[in-house]
Amino acid sequence: MQKHFTSLLALASAASALALSAPDFVAAADPSVRTPVSITPHQQFSSSIGVLGCMINTNRVAYWPTFPDCGASICLQVSYAGRSVNLLHIDQSGGAHDISYDAWKLSLCWTICYKET
């Protein structure tokens, strides 16, 4: 349990601190597939799961239709027009792809692509 908690803290730090440039292609779980999704920006979030006991950058969070796990889907990278931002997948949405408004502003577009990092 301690190992997973430490890993979660490291992932949260990485998701909030990194802004890596990504190639123009983006992919989902299968790197050979491009997955454009419609993104909804939000200024406030509430979560039944969240990151209890962790201090995170709430400007870099995502709620995806899939449930987050402690594996590959906890860190997401959204990209558009050569710009990318890393997000921490902290909860499941009701079917929408929701991200923080600040992260959405970086994309300047309603439809962006994502890949699990």
PDB file of N, CA and C in Angstrom:
ATOM      1  N   MET A   1       0.818  -1.190   0.000  1.00  0.00           N
ATOM      2  CA  MET A   1       0.000   0.000   0.000  1.00  0.00           C
ATOM      3  C   MET A   1       0.857   1.247   0.000  1.00  0.00           C
ATOM      4  N   GLN A   2       1.907   1.260   0.817  1.00  0.00           N
ATOM      5  CA  GLN A   2       2.799   2.423   0.879  1.00  0.00           C
ATOM      6  C   GLN A   2       3.448   2.676  -0.481  1.00  0.00           C
ATOM      7  N   LYS A   3       3.816   1.593  -1.179  1.00  0.00           N
ATOM      8  CA  LYS A   3       4.443   1.724  -2.488  1.00  0.00           C
ATOM      9  C   LYS A   3       3.494   2.397  -3.470  1.00  0.00           C
ATOM     10  N   HIS A   4       2.215   1.988  -3.463  1.00  0.00           N
ATOM     11  CA  HIS A   4       1.234   2.588  -4.364  1.00  0.00           C
ATOM     12  C   HIS A   4       1.011   4.052  -4.018  1.00  0.00           C
ATOM     13  N   PHE A   5       0.963   4.388  -2.724  1.00  0.00           N
ATOM     14  CA  PHE A   5       0.762   5.771  -2.309  1.00  0.00           C
ATOM     15  C   PHE A   5       1.935   6.638  -2.755  1.00  0.00           C
ATOM     16  N   THR A   6       3.148   6.145  -2.576  1.00  0.00           N
ATOM     17  CA  THR A   6       4.339   6.878  -3.011  1.00  0.00           C
ATOM     18  C   THR A   6       4.333   7.044  -4.519  1.00  0.00           C
ATOM     19  N   SER A   7       3.942   5.996  -5.251  1.00  0.00           N
ATOM     20  CA  SER A   7       3.860   6.082  -6.706  1.00  0.00           C
ATOM     21  C   SER A   7       2.822   7.102  -7.125  1.00  0.00           C
ATOM     22  N   LEU A   8       1.695   7.139  -6.422  1.00  0.00           N
ATOM     23  CA  LEU A   8       0.653   8.101  -6.739  1.00  0.00           C
ATOM     24  C   LEU A   8       1.154   9.522  -6.538  1.00  0.00           C
ATOM     25  N   LEU A   9       1.896   9.752  -5.457  1.00  0.00           N
ATOM     26  CA  LEU A   9       2.461  11.082  -5.229  1.00  0.00           C
ATOM     27  C   LEU A   9       3.431  11.459  -6.339  1.00  0.00           C
ATOM     28  N   ALA A  10       4.251  10.523  -6.751  1.00  0.00           N
ATOM     29  CA  ALA A  10       5.207  10.796  -7.823  1.00  0.00           C
ATOM     30  C   ALA A  10       4.480  11.086  -9.125  1.00  0.00           C
ATOM     31  N   LEU A  11       3.435  10.325  -9.425  1.00  0.00           N
ATOM     32  CA  LEU A  11       2.668  10.558 -10.638  1.00  0.00           C
ATOM     33  C   LEU A  11       1.946  11.892 -10.595  1.00  0.00           C
ATOM     34  N   ALA A  12       1.407  12.248  -9.437  1.00  0.00           N
ATOM     35  CA  ALA A  12       0.733  13.538  -9.304  1.00  0.00           C
ATOM     36  C   ALA A  12       1.712  14.670  -9.535  1.00  0.00           C
ATOM     37  N   SER A  13       2.904  14.554  -8.991  1.00  0.00           N
ATOM     38  CA  SER A  13       3.920  15.583  -9.200  1.00  0.00           C
ATOM     39  C   SER A  13       4.309  15.666 -10.662  1.00  0.00           C
ATOM     40  N   ALA A  14       4.475  14.516 -11.287  1.00  0.00           N
ATOM     41  CA  ALA A  14       4.860  14.504 -12.695  1.00  0.00           C
ATOM     42  C   ALA A  14       3.761  15.087 -13.565  1.00  0.00           C
ATOM     43  N   ALA A  15       2.518  14.738 -13.270  1.00  0.00           N
ATOM     44  CA  ALA A  15       1.411  15.236 -14.077  1.00  0.00           C
ATOM     45  C   ALA A  15       1.251  16.734 -13.946  1.00  0.00           C
ATOM     46  N   SER A  16       1.541  17.282 -12.786  1.00  0.00           N
ATOM     47  CA  SER A  16       1.364  18.715 -12.596  1.00  0.00           C
ATOM     48  C   SER A  16       2.578  19.519 -13.020  1.00  0.00           C
ATOM     49  N   ALA A  17       3.735  18.913 -13.101  1.00  0.00           N
ATOM     50  CA  ALA A  17       4.949  19.674 -13.376  1.00  0.00           C
ATOM     51  C   ALA A  17       5.426  19.578 -14.818  1.00  0.00           C
ATOM     52  N   LEU A  18       5.112  18.497 -15.508  1.00  0.00           N
ATOM     53  CA  LEU A  18       5.663  18.299 -16.835  1.00  0.00           C
ATOM     54  C   LEU A  18       4.780  18.873 -17.922  1.00  0.00           C
ATOM     55  N   ALA A  19       5.391  19.410 -18.925  1.00  0.00           N
ATOM     56  CA  ALA A  19       4.705  19.837 -20.141  1.00  0.00           C
ATOM     57  C   ALA A  19       5.595  19.410 -21.294  1.00  0.00           C
ATOM     58  N   LEU A  20       5.559  18.140 -21.621  1.00  0.00           N
ATOM     59  CA  LEU A  20       6.433  17.589 -22.636  1.00  0.00           C
ATOM     60  C   LEU A  20       5.859  17.842 -24.013  1.00  0.00           C
ATOM     61  N   SER A  21       6.726  18.149 -24.974  1.00  0.00           N
ATOM     62  CA  SER A  21       6.219  18.274 -26.329  1.00  0.00           C
ATOM     63  C   SER A  21       6.052  16.878 -26.892  1.00  0.00           C
ATOM     64  N   ALA A  22       4.956  16.696 -27.593  1.00  0.00           N
ATOM     65  CA  ALA A  22       4.633  15.381 -28.127  1.00  0.00           C
ATOM     66  C   ALA A  22       4.656  15.444 -29.644  1.00  0.00           C
ATOM     67  N   PRO A  23       4.855  14.319 -30.280  1.00  0.00           N
ATOM     68  CA  PRO A  23       4.769  14.308 -31.732  1.00  0.00           C
ATOM     69  C   PRO A  23       3.344  14.619 -32.169  1.00  0.00           C
ATOM     70  N   ASP A  24       3.158  14.900 -33.459  1.00  0.00           N
ATOM     71  CA  ASP A  24       1.844  15.279 -33.947  1.00  0.00           C
ATOM     72  C   ASP A  24       0.825  14.152 -33.862  1.00  0.00           C
ATOM     73  N   PHE A  25       1.269  12.900 -33.812  1.00  0.00           N
ATOM     74  CA  PHE A  25       0.312  11.816 -33.650  1.00  0.00           C
ATOM     75  C   PHE A  25       0.034  11.615 -32.170  1.00  0.00           C
ATOM     76  N   VAL A  26      -1.155  11.163 -31.887  1.00  0.00           N
ATOM     77  CA  VAL A  26      -1.515  10.817 -30.518  1.00  0.00           C
ATOM     78  C   VAL A  26      -2.252   9.493 -30.559  1.00  0.00           C
ATOM     79  N   ALA A  27      -2.254   8.792 -29.444  1.00  0.00           N
ATOM     80  CA  ALA A  27      -2.862   7.473 -29.435  1.00  0.00           C
ATOM     81  C   ALA A  27      -3.521   7.204 -28.105  1.00  0.00           C
ATOM     82  N   ALA A  28      -4.404   6.219 -28.098  1.00  0.00           N
ATOM     83  CA  ALA A  28      -5.039   5.788 -26.851  1.00  0.00           C
ATOM     84  C   ALA A  28      -4.229   4.618 -26.308  1.00  0.00           C
ATOM     85  N   ALA A  29      -4.901   3.654 -25.708  1.00  0.00           N
ATOM     86  CA  ALA A  29      -4.199   2.514 -25.117  1.00  0.00           C
ATOM     87  C   ALA A  29      -3.394   1.756 -26.168  1.00  0.00           C
ATOM     88  N   ASP A  30      -3.908   1.681 -27.386  1.00  0.00           N
ATOM     89  CA  ASP A  30      -3.187   1.059 -28.493  1.00  0.00           C
ATOM     90  C   ASP A  30      -2.472   2.165 -29.259  1.00  0.00           C
ATOM     91  N   PRO A  31      -1.136   2.216 -29.236  1.00  0.00           N
ATOM     92  CA  PRO A  31      -0.407   3.309 -29.876  1.00  0.00           C
ATOM     93  C   PRO A  31      -0.692   3.469 -31.358  1.00  0.00           C
ATOM     94  N   SER A  32      -1.234   2.455 -32.025  1.00  0.00           N
ATOM     95  CA  SER A  32      -1.507   2.573 -33.450  1.00  0.00           C
ATOM     96  C   SER A  32      -2.848   3.236 -33.742  1.00  0.00           C
ATOM     97  N   VAL A  33      -3.610   3.581 -32.705  1.00  0.00           N
ATOM     98  CA  VAL A  33      -4.944   4.153 -32.888  1.00  0.00           C
ATOM     99  C   VAL A  33      -4.956   5.618 -32.469  1.00  0.00           C
ATOM    100  N   ARG A  34      -5.492   6.483 -33.330  1.00  0.00           N
ATOM    101  CA  ARG A  34      -5.698   7.888 -32.959  1.00  0.00           C
ATOM    102  C   ARG A  34      -7.099   8.005 -32.384  1.00  0.00           C
ATOM    103  N   THR A  35      -7.228   8.731 -31.282  1.00  0.00           N
ATOM    104  CA  THR A  35      -8.517   8.820 -30.614  1.00  0.00           C
ATOM    105  C   THR A  35      -8.873  10.267 -30.320  1.00  0.00           C
ATOM    106  N   PRO A  36      -9.505  10.972 -31.269  1.00  0.00           N
ATOM    107  CA  PRO A  36      -9.943  12.331 -30.947  1.00  0.00           C
ATOM    108  C   PRO A  36     -11.172  12.278 -30.042  1.00  0.00           C
ATOM    109  N   VAL A  37     -11.209  13.143 -29.064  1.00  0.00           N
ATOM    110  CA  VAL A  37     -12.340  13.195 -28.146  1.00  0.00           C
ATOM    111  C   VAL A  37     -12.766  14.639 -27.956  1.00  0.00           C
ATOM    112  N   SER A  38     -14.012  14.850 -27.637  1.00  0.00           N
ATOM    113  CA  SER A  38     -14.519  16.177 -27.322  1.00  0.00           C
ATOM    114  C   SER A  38     -14.298  16.425 -25.839  1.00  0.00           C
ATOM    115  N   ILE A  39     -13.657  17.540 -25.514  1.00  0.00           N
ATOM    116  CA  ILE A  39     -13.268  17.850 -24.141  1.00  0.00           C
ATOM    117  C   ILE A  39     -14.168  18.936 -23.570  1.00  0.00           C
ATOM    118  N   THR A  40     -14.570  18.777 -22.326  1.00  0.00           N
ATOM    119  CA  THR A  40     -15.363  19.780 -21.615  1.00  0.00           C
ATOM    120  C   THR A  40     -14.506  20.392 -20.514  1.00  0.00           C
ATOM    121  N   PRO A  41     -14.296  21.728 -20.543  1.00  0.00           N
ATOM    122  CA  PRO A  41     -13.510  22.356 -19.475  1.00  0.00           C
ATOM    123  C   PRO A  41     -14.362  22.652 -18.250  1.00  0.00           C
ATOM    124  N   HIS A  42     -13.769  22.557 -17.071  1.00  0.00           N
ATOM    125  CA  HIS A  42     -14.456  22.869 -15.820  1.00  0.00           C
ATOM    126  C   HIS A  42     -13.540  23.682 -14.918  1.00  0.00           C
ATOM    127  N   GLN A  43     -14.111  24.635 -14.199  1.00  0.00           N
ATOM    128  CA  GLN A  43     -13.327  25.435 -13.264  1.00  0.00           C
ATOM    129  C   GLN A  43     -13.301  24.824 -11.874  1.00  0.00           C
ATOM    130  N   GLN A  44     -14.289  23.988 -11.543  1.00  0.00           N
ATOM    131  CA  GLN A  44     -14.343  23.356 -10.230  1.00  0.00           C
ATOM    132  C   GLN A  44     -14.592  21.867 -10.395  1.00  0.00           C
ATOM    133  N   PHE A  45     -14.044  21.095  -9.482  1.00  0.00           N
ATOM    134  CA  PHE A  45     -14.217  19.650  -9.506  1.00  0.00           C
ATOM    135  C   PHE A  45     -14.601  19.161  -8.126  1.00  0.00           C
ATOM    136  N   SER A  46     -15.366  18.103  -8.097  1.00  0.00           N
ATOM    137  CA  SER A  46     -15.580  17.359  -6.863  1.00  0.00           C
ATOM    138  C   SER A  46     -15.387  15.897  -7.226  1.00  0.00           C
ATOM    139  N   SER A  47     -14.990  15.107  -6.283  1.00  0.00           N
ATOM    140  CA  SER A  47     -14.662  13.729  -6.592  1.00  0.00           C
ATOM    141  C   SER A  47     -15.018  12.818  -5.441  1.00  0.00           C
ATOM    142  N   SER A  48     -15.557  11.654  -5.785  1.00  0.00           N
ATOM    143  CA  SER A  48     -15.805  10.646  -4.765  1.00  0.00           C
ATOM    144  C   SER A  48     -14.543   9.821  -4.521  1.00  0.00           C
ATOM    145  N   ILE A  49     -13.585   9.900  -5.435  1.00  0.00           N
ATOM    146  CA  ILE A  49     -12.339   9.154  -5.309  1.00  0.00           C
ATOM    147  C   ILE A  49     -11.208  10.115  -4.976  1.00  0.00           C
ATOM    148  N   GLY A  50     -10.895  10.987  -5.915  1.00  0.00           N
ATOM    149  CA  GLY A  50      -9.890  12.020  -5.701  1.00  0.00           C
ATOM    150  C   GLY A  50      -8.520  11.477  -5.365  1.00  0.00           C
ATOM    151  N   VAL A  51      -7.775  12.264  -4.628  1.00  0.00           N
ATOM    152  CA  VAL A  51      -6.418  11.899  -4.234  1.00  0.00           C
ATOM    153  C   VAL A  51      -6.253  12.215  -2.755  1.00  0.00           C
ATOM    154  N   LEU A  52      -6.966  11.494  -1.947  1.00  0.00           N
ATOM    155  CA  LEU A  52      -6.996  11.703  -0.509  1.00  0.00           C
ATOM    156  C   LEU A  52      -5.588  11.769   0.077  1.00  0.00           C
ATOM    157  N   GLY A  53      -5.312  12.826   0.801  1.00  0.00           N
ATOM    158  CA  GLY A  53      -4.024  12.979   1.453  1.00  0.00           C
ATOM    159  C   GLY A  53      -2.927  13.522   0.566  1.00  0.00           C
ATOM    160  N   CYS A  54      -3.247  13.819  -0.679  1.00  0.00           N
ATOM    161  CA  CYS A  54      -2.235  14.318  -1.613  1.00  0.00           C
ATOM    162  C   CYS A  54      -2.533  15.761  -1.987  1.00  0.00           C
ATOM    163  N   MET A  55      -1.493  16.533  -2.146  1.00  0.00           N
ATOM    164  CA  MET A  55      -1.639  17.883  -2.657  1.00  0.00           C
ATOM    165  C   MET A  55      -1.320  17.827  -4.149  1.00  0.00           C
ATOM    166  N   ILE A  56      -2.284  18.183  -4.988  1.00  0.00           N
ATOM    167  CA  ILE A  56      -2.077  18.119  -6.432  1.00  0.00           C
ATOM    168  C   ILE A  56      -2.365  19.478  -7.048  1.00  0.00           C
ATOM    169  N   ASN A  57      -1.940  19.639  -8.270  1.00  0.00           N
ATOM    170  CA  ASN A  57      -2.249  20.828  -9.045  1.00  0.00           C
ATOM    171  C   ASN A  57      -3.622  20.608  -9.682  1.00  0.00           C
ATOM    172  N   THR A  58      -4.644  21.268  -9.177  1.00  0.00           N
ATOM    173  CA  THR A  58      -6.001  21.066  -9.683  1.00  0.00           C
ATOM    174  C   THR A  58      -6.189  21.661 -11.070  1.00  0.00           C
ATOM    175  N   ASN A  59      -5.200  22.373 -11.574  1.00  0.00           N
ATOM    176  CA  ASN A  59      -5.244  22.851 -12.953  1.00  0.00           C
ATOM    177  C   ASN A  59      -4.815  21.773 -13.934  1.00  0.00           C
ATOM    178  N   ARG A  60      -4.472  20.610 -13.442  1.00  0.00           N
ATOM    179  CA  ARG A  60      -4.004  19.518 -14.295  1.00  0.00           C
ATOM    180  C   ARG A  60      -4.699  18.207 -13.945  1.00  0.00           C
ATOM    181  N   VAL A  61      -6.032  18.235 -13.860  1.00  0.00           N
ATOM    182  CA  VAL A  61      -6.779  17.022 -13.554  1.00  0.00           C
ATOM    183  C   VAL A  61      -7.726  16.676 -14.694  1.00  0.00           C
ATOM    184  N   ALA A  62      -8.074  15.389 -14.763  1.00  0.00           N
ATOM    185  CA  ALA A  62      -8.982  14.894 -15.791  1.00  0.00           C
ATOM    186  C   ALA A  62      -9.974  13.919 -15.179  1.00  0.00           C
ATOM    187  N   TYR A  63     -11.188  13.972 -15.678  1.00  0.00           N
ATOM    188  CA  TYR A  63     -12.232  12.992 -15.372  1.00  0.00           C
ATOM    189  C   TYR A  63     -12.589  12.369 -16.716  1.00  0.00           C
ATOM    190  N   TRP A  64     -12.312  11.096 -16.874  1.00  0.00           N
ATOM    191  CA  TRP A  64     -12.570  10.398 -18.127  1.00  0.00           C
ATOM    192  C   TRP A  64     -13.729   9.434 -17.916  1.00  0.00           C
ATOM    193  N   PRO A  65     -14.385   8.966 -18.972  1.00  0.00           N
ATOM    194  CA  PRO A  65     -15.470   7.991 -18.800  1.00  0.00           C
ATOM    195  C   PRO A  65     -14.998   6.670 -18.184  1.00  0.00           C
ATOM    196  N   THR A  66     -13.744   6.349 -18.348  1.00  0.00           N
ATOM    197  CA  THR A  66     -13.207   5.118 -17.765  1.00  0.00           C
ATOM    198  C   THR A  66     -12.768   5.366 -16.328  1.00  0.00           C
ATOM    199  N   PHE A  67     -12.762   4.317 -15.551  1.00  0.00           N
ATOM    200  CA  PHE A  67     -12.359   4.410 -14.155  1.00  0.00           C
ATOM    201  C   PHE A  67     -10.833   4.460 -14.072  1.00  0.00           C
ATOM    202  N   PRO A  68     -10.247   5.374 -13.293  1.00  0.00           N
ATOM    203  CA  PRO A  68      -8.786   5.407 -13.179  1.00  0.00           C
ATOM    204  C   PRO A  68      -8.274   4.212 -12.383  1.00  0.00           C
ATOM    205  N   ASP A  69      -7.088   3.770 -12.723  1.00  0.00           N
ATOM    206  CA  ASP A  69      -6.469   2.700 -11.950  1.00  0.00           C
ATOM    207  C   ASP A  69      -5.065   3.141 -11.551  1.00  0.00           C
ATOM    208  N   CYS A  70      -4.361   2.301 -10.884  1.00  0.00           N
ATOM    209  CA  CYS A  70      -2.998   2.647 -10.451  1.00  0.00           C
ATOM    210  C   CYS A  70      -1.971   2.276 -11.505  1.00  0.00           C
ATOM    211  N   GLY A  71      -2.428   1.979 -12.712  1.00  0.00           N
ATOM    212  CA  GLY A  71      -1.523   1.613 -13.797  1.00  0.00           C
ATOM    213  C   GLY A  71      -1.384   2.725 -14.813  1.00  0.00           C
ATOM    214  N   ALA A  72      -1.441   2.339 -16.072  1.00  0.00           N
ATOM    215  CA  ALA A  72      -1.158   3.259 -17.175  1.00  0.00           C
ATOM    216  C   ALA A  72      -2.190   4.364 -17.338  1.00  0.00           C
ATOM    217  N   SER A  73      -3.425   4.170 -16.891  1.00  0.00           N
ATOM    218  CA  SER A  73      -4.459   5.168 -17.168  1.00  0.00           C
ATOM    219  C   SER A  73      -4.509   6.304 -16.155  1.00  0.00           C
ATOM    220  N   ILE A  74      -3.638   6.324 -15.168  1.00  0.00           N
ATOM    221  CA  ILE A  74      -3.708   7.389 -14.163  1.00  0.00           C
ATOM    222  C   ILE A  74      -3.104   8.696 -14.684  1.00  0.00           C
ATOM    223  N   CYS A  75      -2.149   8.608 -15.585  1.00  0.00           N
ATOM    224  CA  CYS A  75      -1.570   9.809 -16.195  1.00  0.00           C
ATOM    225  C   CYS A  75      -1.994   9.876 -17.653  1.00  0.00           C
ATOM    226  N   LEU A  76      -2.565  10.994 -18.054  1.00  0.00           N
ATOM    227  CA  LEU A  76      -3.014  11.202 -19.421  1.00  0.00           C
ATOM    228  C   LEU A  76      -2.249  12.363 -20.023  1.00  0.00           C
ATOM    229  N   GLN A  77      -2.073  12.329 -21.329  1.00  0.00           N
ATOM    230  CA  GLN A  77      -1.479  13.455 -22.028  1.00  0.00           C
ATOM    231  C   GLN A  77      -2.456  13.863 -23.117  1.00  0.00           C
ATOM    232  N   VAL A  78      -2.904  15.107 -23.092  1.00  0.00           N
ATOM    233  CA  VAL A  78      -3.772  15.616 -24.144  1.00  0.00           C
ATOM    234  C   VAL A  78      -2.936  16.510 -25.040  1.00  0.00           C
ATOM    235  N   SER A  79      -3.204  16.437 -26.349  1.00  0.00           N
ATOM    236  CA  SER A  79      -2.401  17.160 -27.324  1.00  0.00           C
ATOM    237  C   SER A  79      -3.280  17.758 -28.402  1.00  0.00           C
ATOM    238  N   TYR A  80      -2.853  18.904 -28.901  1.00  0.00           N
ATOM    239  CA  TYR A  80      -3.499  19.524 -30.052  1.00  0.00           C
ATOM    240  C   TYR A  80      -2.504  20.477 -30.694  1.00  0.00           C
ATOM    241  N   ALA A  81      -2.382  20.401 -31.996  1.00  0.00           N
ATOM    242  CA  ALA A  81      -1.545  21.316 -32.778  1.00  0.00           C
ATOM    243  C   ALA A  81      -0.117  21.407 -32.228  1.00  0.00           C
ATOM    244  N   GLY A  82       0.445  20.284 -31.835  1.00  0.00           N
ATOM    245  CA  GLY A  82       1.815  20.258 -31.362  1.00  0.00           C
ATOM    246  C   GLY A  82       2.013  20.648 -29.909  1.00  0.00           C
ATOM    247  N   ARG A  83       0.947  21.034 -29.217  1.00  0.00           N
ATOM    248  CA  ARG A  83       1.041  21.370 -27.787  1.00  0.00           C
ATOM    249  C   ARG A  83       0.477  20.208 -26.985  1.00  0.00           C
ATOM    250  N   SER A  84       1.071  19.957 -25.830  1.00  0.00           N
ATOM    251  CA  SER A  84       0.619  18.864 -24.968  1.00  0.00           C
ATOM    252  C   SER A  84       0.607  19.307 -23.521  1.00  0.00           C
ATOM    253  N   VAL A  85      -0.257  18.667 -22.748  1.00  0.00           N
ATOM    254  CA  VAL A  85      -0.273  18.882 -21.306  1.00  0.00           C
ATOM    255  C   VAL A  85      -0.566  17.532 -20.649  1.00  0.00           C
ATOM    256  N   ASN A  86       0.142  17.245 -19.569  1.00  0.00           N
ATOM    257  CA  ASN A  86      -0.060  16.002 -18.827  1.00  0.00           C
ATOM    258  C   ASN A  86      -1.073  16.235 -17.720  1.00  0.00           C
ATOM    259  N   LEU A  87      -1.975  15.278 -17.549  1.00  0.00           N
ATOM    260  CA  LEU A  87      -3.053  15.398 -16.573  1.00  0.00           C
ATOM    261  C   LEU A  87      -3.103  14.168 -15.680  1.00  0.00           C
ATOM    262  N   LEU A  88      -3.584  14.366 -14.477  1.00  0.00           N
ATOM    263  CA  LEU A  88      -3.796  13.277 -13.537  1.00  0.00           C
ATOM    264  C   LEU A  88      -5.265  12.870 -13.605  1.00  0.00           C
ATOM    265  N   HIS A  89      -5.515  11.628 -13.979  1.00  0.00           N
ATOM    266  CA  HIS A  89      -6.867  11.077 -14.109  1.00  0.00           C
ATOM    267  C   HIS A  89      -7.347  10.691 -12.711  1.00  0.00           C
ATOM    268  N   ILE A  90      -8.181  11.562 -12.093  1.00  0.00           N
ATOM    269  CA  ILE A  90      -8.510  11.346 -10.681  1.00  0.00           C
ATOM    270  C   ILE A  90      -9.883  10.745 -10.423  1.00  0.00           C
ATOM    271  N   ASP A  91     -10.743  10.689 -11.436  1.00  0.00           N
ATOM    272  CA  ASP A  91     -12.066  10.115 -11.196  1.00  0.00           C
ATOM    273  C   ASP A  91     -12.730   9.792 -12.522  1.00  0.00           C
ATOM    274  N   GLN A  92     -13.827   9.067 -12.434  1.00  0.00           N
ATOM    275  CA  GLN A  92     -14.622   8.704 -13.593  1.00  0.00           C
ATOM    276  C   GLN A  92     -15.699   9.754 -13.792  1.00  0.00           C
ATOM    277  N   SER A  93     -15.953  10.125 -15.048  1.00  0.00           N
ATOM    278  CA  SER A  93     -17.009  11.092 -15.349  1.00  0.00           C
ATOM    279  C   SER A  93     -18.278  10.343 -15.731  1.00  0.00           C
ATOM    280  N   GLY A  94     -19.320  11.087 -15.964  1.00  0.00           N
ATOM    281  CA  GLY A  94     -20.578  10.485 -16.382  1.00  0.00           C
ATOM    282  C   GLY A  94     -20.650  10.254 -17.875  1.00  0.00           C
ATOM    283  N   GLY A  95     -19.529  10.030 -18.522  1.00  0.00           N
ATOM    284  CA  GLY A  95     -19.504   9.773 -19.958  1.00  0.00           C
ATOM    285  C   GLY A  95     -18.754  10.825 -20.747  1.00  0.00           C
ATOM    286  N   ALA A  96     -18.455  11.954 -20.134  1.00  0.00           N
ATOM    287  CA  ALA A  96     -17.736  13.034 -20.818  1.00  0.00           C
ATOM    288  C   ALA A  96     -16.241  12.943 -20.537  1.00  0.00           C
ATOM    289  N   HIS A  97     -15.473  13.614 -21.358  1.00  0.00           N
ATOM    290  CA  HIS A  97     -14.034  13.776 -21.144  1.00  0.00           C
ATOM    291  C   HIS A  97     -13.844  15.167 -20.569  1.00  0.00           C
ATOM    292  N   ASP A  98     -13.715  15.264 -19.261  1.00  0.00           N
ATOM    293  CA  ASP A  98     -13.633  16.551 -18.563  1.00  0.00           C
ATOM    294  C   ASP A  98     -12.212  16.809 -18.092  1.00  0.00           C
ATOM    295  N   ILE A  99     -11.756  18.044 -18.298  1.00  0.00           N
ATOM    296  CA  ILE A  99     -10.444  18.448 -17.795  1.00  0.00           C
ATOM    297  C   ILE A  99     -10.576  19.821 -17.155  1.00  0.00           C
ATOM    298  N   SER A 100      -9.560  20.224 -16.425  1.00  0.00           N
ATOM    299  CA  SER A 100      -9.576  21.544 -15.798  1.00  0.00           C
ATOM    300  C   SER A 100      -9.558  22.620 -16.881  1.00  0.00           C
ATOM    301  N   TYR A 101     -10.177  23.750 -16.576  1.00  0.00           N
ATOM    302  CA  TYR A 101     -10.272  24.850 -17.531  1.00  0.00           C
ATOM    303  C   TYR A 101      -8.889  25.349 -17.935  1.00  0.00           C
ATOM    304  N   ASP A 102      -7.961  25.425 -16.992  1.00  0.00           N
ATOM    305  CA  ASP A 102      -6.614  25.901 -17.291  1.00  0.00           C
ATOM    306  C   ASP A 102      -5.924  24.998 -18.314  1.00  0.00           C
ATOM    307  N   ALA A 103      -6.058  23.699 -18.159  1.00  0.00           N
ATOM    308  CA  ALA A 103      -5.464  22.763 -19.116  1.00  0.00           C
ATOM    309  C   ALA A 103      -6.148  22.881 -20.468  1.00  0.00           C
ATOM    310  N   TRP A 104      -7.448  23.079 -20.470  1.00  0.00           N
ATOM    311  CA  TRP A 104      -8.190  23.240 -21.719  1.00  0.00           C
ATOM    312  C   TRP A 104      -7.745  24.496 -22.452  1.00  0.00           C
ATOM    313  N   LYS A 105      -7.509  25.585 -21.718  1.00  0.00           N
ATOM    314  CA  LYS A 105      -7.043  26.829 -22.347  1.00  0.00           C
ATOM    315  C   LYS A 105      -5.734  26.617 -23.093  1.00  0.00           C
ATOM    316  N   LEU A 106      -4.877  25.756 -22.579  1.00  0.00           N
ATOM    317  CA  LEU A 106      -3.606  25.495 -23.249  1.00  0.00           C
ATOM    318  C   LEU A 106      -3.815  24.882 -24.623  1.00  0.00           C
ATOM    319  N   SER A 107      -4.901  24.154 -24.799  1.00  0.00           N
ATOM    320  CA  SER A 107      -5.156  23.520 -26.089  1.00  0.00           C
ATOM    321  C   SER A 107      -5.838  24.474 -27.065  1.00  0.00           C
ATOM    322  N   LEU A 108      -6.590  25.444 -26.543  1.00  0.00           N
ATOM    323  CA  LEU A 108      -7.327  26.410 -27.361  1.00  0.00           C
ATOM    324  C   LEU A 108      -8.230  25.741 -28.382  1.00  0.00           C
ATOM    325  N   CYS A 109      -8.799  24.620 -28.009  1.00  0.00           N
ATOM    326  CA  CYS A 109      -9.633  23.884 -28.945  1.00  0.00           C
ATOM    327  C   CYS A 109     -10.584  22.982 -28.176  1.00  0.00           C
ATOM    328  N   TRP A 110     -11.797  22.823 -28.656  1.00  0.00           N
ATOM    329  CA  TRP A 110     -12.782  21.957 -28.003  1.00  0.00           C
ATOM    330  C   TRP A 110     -12.482  20.491 -28.233  1.00  0.00           C
ATOM    331  N   THR A 111     -11.907  20.161 -29.371  1.00  0.00           N
ATOM    332  CA  THR A 111     -11.622  18.764 -29.670  1.00  0.00           C
ATOM    333  C   THR A 111     -10.123  18.564 -29.709  1.00  0.00           C
ATOM    334  N   ILE A 112      -9.620  17.711 -28.839  1.00  0.00           N
ATOM    335  CA  ILE A 112      -8.202  17.396 -28.816  1.00  0.00           C
ATOM    336  C   ILE A 112      -8.044  15.897 -28.733  1.00  0.00           C
ATOM    337  N   CYS A 113      -6.852  15.432 -28.913  1.00  0.00           N
ATOM    338  CA  CYS A 113      -6.597  14.000 -28.864  1.00  0.00           C
ATOM    339  C   CYS A 113      -5.907  13.657 -27.565  1.00  0.00           C
ATOM    340  N   TYR A 114      -6.000  12.422 -27.158  1.00  0.00           N
ATOM    341  CA  TYR A 114      -5.354  12.031 -25.909  1.00  0.00           C
ATOM    342  C   TYR A 114      -4.644  10.705 -26.077  1.00  0.00           C
ATOM    343  N   LYS A 115      -3.678  10.495 -25.229  1.00  0.00           N
ATOM    344  CA  LYS A 115      -3.058   9.181 -25.135  1.00  0.00           C
ATOM    345  C   LYS A 115      -2.757   8.924 -23.675  1.00  0.00           C
ATOM    346  N   GLU A 116      -2.786   7.682 -23.298  1.00  0.00           N
ATOM    347  CA  GLU A 116      -2.402   7.309 -21.943  1.00  0.00           C
ATOM    348  C   GLU A 116      -0.895   7.221 -21.922  1.00  0.00           C
ATOM    349  N   THR A 117      -0.253   7.895 -20.949  1.00  0.00           N
ATOM    350  CA  THR A 117       1.211   7.918 -20.908  1.00  0.00           C
ATOM    351  C   THR A 117       1.729   6.939 -19.882  1.00  0.00           C
TER     352      THR A 117
END
